[in-house]
Amino acid sequence: MTRREVRCLGPYGGEVEDTGCGEAARFEVVRHRRPPLHLCPVHLGPALLLADGVLWPPEIRIIA
């Protein structure tokens, strides 16, 4: 069985045009009233500060 690889949405969660990363996502960040963010290690920190609706304290899950 093959697993579909989830791609990183970049520091803004794919909501800002041309900011997607395309690398494999390793983390999922829960957001308020929005779909969760799927992020690579490089964009995890910036997304916690820049993405809309990120809960504080953040709820982060490893999905790798």
Protein backbone atom coordinates (compact mmCIF):
# COMPACT_ATOMS: atom_id res chain seq x y z
CA MET A 1 0.00 0.00 0.00
CA THR A 2 1.44 3.40 -0.96
CA ARG A 3 1.03 6.41 1.25
CA ARG A 4 0.29 9.75 -0.36
CA GLU A 5 2.92 12.25 0.71
CA VAL A 6 1.53 15.51 2.06
CA ARG A 7 3.29 18.66 0.81
CA CYS A 8 4.32 21.69 2.89
CA LEU A 9 2.11 24.75 2.46
CA GLY A 10 4.81 27.24 3.46
CA PRO A 11 4.79 29.76 6.30
CA TYR A 12 1.39 31.24 5.40
CA GLY A 13 -0.46 27.97 4.98
CA GLY A 14 -0.91 28.29 1.24
CA GLU A 15 -3.14 31.36 1.68
CA VAL A 16 -0.64 33.76 0.10
CA GLU A 17 0.02 33.15 -3.58
CA ASP A 18 3.39 31.65 -4.55
CA THR A 19 4.47 30.90 -0.96
CA GLY A 20 4.00 27.13 -1.03
CA CYS A 21 7.11 25.09 -0.37
CA GLY A 22 6.45 21.75 -2.02
CA GLU A 23 8.73 19.78 0.33
CA ALA A 24 7.34 16.82 2.22
CA ALA A 25 5.35 17.91 5.29
CA ARG A 26 6.46 16.43 8.61
CA PHE A 27 4.24 18.42 10.99
CA GLU A 28 0.57 19.32 11.31
CA VAL A 29 -0.40 22.48 13.19
CA VAL A 30 -3.98 22.85 14.43
CA ARG A 31 -5.74 26.14 13.64
CA HIS A 32 -8.95 27.75 14.86
CA ARG A 33 -11.80 27.38 12.34
CA ARG A 34 -9.41 26.56 9.51
CA PRO A 35 -7.93 23.36 8.13
CA PRO A 36 -4.70 22.25 9.79
CA LEU A 37 -1.38 23.36 8.35
CA HIS A 38 0.98 20.75 6.93
CA LEU A 39 4.56 21.96 7.22
CA CYS A 40 8.16 20.94 6.66
CA PRO A 41 10.76 21.55 9.43
CA VAL A 42 11.98 24.77 7.76
CA HIS A 43 8.53 26.42 7.78
CA LEU A 44 7.29 25.18 11.16
CA GLY A 45 8.68 28.14 13.15
CA PRO A 46 7.67 30.89 10.70
CA ALA A 47 4.16 29.42 10.35
CA LEU A 48 3.62 29.56 14.12
CA LEU A 49 4.24 33.31 13.92
CA LEU A 50 2.74 34.20 10.50
CA ALA A 51 -0.16 31.86 9.66
CA ASP A 52 -3.74 32.82 10.49
CA GLY A 53 -5.66 31.00 13.21
CA VAL A 54 -2.76 29.16 14.86
CA LEU A 55 -3.74 28.26 18.43
CA TRP A 56 -1.59 29.42 21.32
CA PRO A 57 -0.01 27.46 22.81
CA PRO A 58 0.30 25.69 19.47
CA GLU A 59 -0.86 22.12 18.99
CA ILE A 60 1.70 20.36 16.78
CA ARG A 61 1.59 16.76 15.59
CA ILE A 62 4.29 14.78 13.82
CA ILE A 63 2.90 13.19 10.66
CA ALA A 64 6.09 11.76 9.10
